[in-house]
Amino acid sequence: MITVTRLDHTRFAVNPDLVERIQESPDTTLHMIDGHVYVISESMDAVIDLIVAYRARVLSAAQAMTGASADGRAEV
């Protein structure tokens, strides 16, 4: 999950795998695959950075669980 902020300053978490598209004109909107639309205060670039960091954490955790090294080879 990534945490973003509504325009009224309330924070909420979104599953980034359910984001269909992000639009910035001028407010940033998250369009979800289920049709929900959220207007948030973060920029589009900031949301993309949050999603990249989330996916990196998921991959890192998966590698730690399997005992794989960063290059994908199993550690001995």
Protein backbone atom coordinates (compact mmCIF):
# COMPACT_ATOMS: atom_id res chain seq x y z
CA MET A 1 0.00 0.00 0.00
CA ILE A 2 1.05 3.58 -0.59
CA THR A 3 -0.11 6.48 1.56
CA VAL A 4 -1.44 9.62 -0.13
CA THR A 5 -3.19 12.79 1.05
CA ARG A 6 -6.59 14.16 0.09
CA LEU A 7 -6.95 17.90 -0.47
CA ASP A 8 -8.56 18.19 3.00
CA HIS A 9 -5.25 16.83 4.45
CA THR A 10 -6.61 13.41 5.43
CA ARG A 11 -4.29 10.56 4.60
CA PHE A 12 -5.33 7.18 3.23
CA ALA A 13 -3.66 4.11 1.77
CA VAL A 14 -4.15 2.86 -1.78
CA ASN A 15 -3.19 -0.45 -3.33
CA PRO A 16 -0.93 0.72 -6.18
CA ASP A 17 -1.74 -2.41 -8.18
CA LEU A 18 -5.29 -1.07 -8.56
CA VAL A 19 -4.29 2.31 -10.03
CA GLU A 20 -5.35 2.47 -13.67
CA ARG A 21 -3.93 5.92 -14.38
CA ILE A 22 -2.71 9.10 -12.74
CA GLN A 23 -3.66 12.48 -14.13
CA GLU A 24 -2.31 15.92 -13.20
CA SER A 25 -4.24 18.96 -14.47
CA PRO A 26 -3.54 20.82 -12.12
CA ASP A 27 -4.77 18.61 -9.25
CA THR A 28 -3.51 15.04 -9.22
CA THR A 29 -6.20 12.40 -9.60
CA LEU A 30 -5.86 8.67 -9.13
CA HIS A 31 -8.19 6.69 -11.38
CA MET A 32 -8.68 3.21 -10.00
CA ILE A 33 -9.63 0.11 -11.99
CA ASP A 34 -12.93 -0.11 -10.08
CA GLY A 35 -13.94 3.38 -11.25
CA HIS A 36 -13.16 5.29 -8.07
CA VAL A 37 -11.38 8.60 -8.53
CA TYR A 38 -9.34 10.24 -5.77
CA VAL A 39 -8.07 13.84 -5.88
CA ILE A 40 -4.82 14.06 -3.93
CA SER A 41 -2.26 16.69 -3.02
CA GLU A 42 0.85 14.75 -4.11
CA SER A 43 2.25 15.41 -7.57
CA MET A 44 2.11 12.75 -10.27
CA ASP A 45 5.90 12.32 -10.04
CA ALA A 46 5.68 11.84 -6.27
CA VAL A 47 2.99 9.15 -6.68
CA ILE A 48 5.10 7.36 -9.28
CA ASP A 49 8.07 7.47 -6.87
CA LEU A 50 5.86 6.00 -4.11
CA ILE A 51 4.76 3.17 -6.40
CA VAL A 52 8.35 2.42 -7.48
CA ALA A 53 9.49 2.35 -3.83
CA TYR A 54 6.56 0.07 -2.92
CA ARG A 55 7.39 -2.39 -5.69
CA ALA A 56 11.08 -2.35 -4.70
CA ARG A 57 10.09 -3.22 -1.12
CA VAL A 58 7.90 -6.08 -2.36
CA LEU A 59 10.71 -7.50 -4.50
CA SER A 60 13.22 -7.12 -1.67
CA ALA A 61 10.92 -8.92 0.76
CA ALA A 62 10.32 -11.72 -1.75
CA GLN A 63 14.05 -12.15 -2.27
CA ALA A 64 14.63 -12.24 1.49
CA MET A 65 11.97 -14.95 1.86
CA THR A 66 13.47 -17.14 -0.84
CA GLY A 67 17.10 -16.56 0.15
CA ALA A 68 17.91 -15.19 -3.31
CA SER A 69 20.66 -12.63 -3.82
CA ALA A 70 20.09 -9.30 -5.59
CA ASP A 71 21.11 -10.81 -8.95
CA GLY A 72 18.54 -13.60 -8.61
CA ARG A 73 20.92 -16.44 -7.76
CA ALA A 74 20.26 -18.50 -4.66
CA GLU A 75 22.62 -17.78 -1.79
CA VAL A 76 24.49 -20.73 -0.32
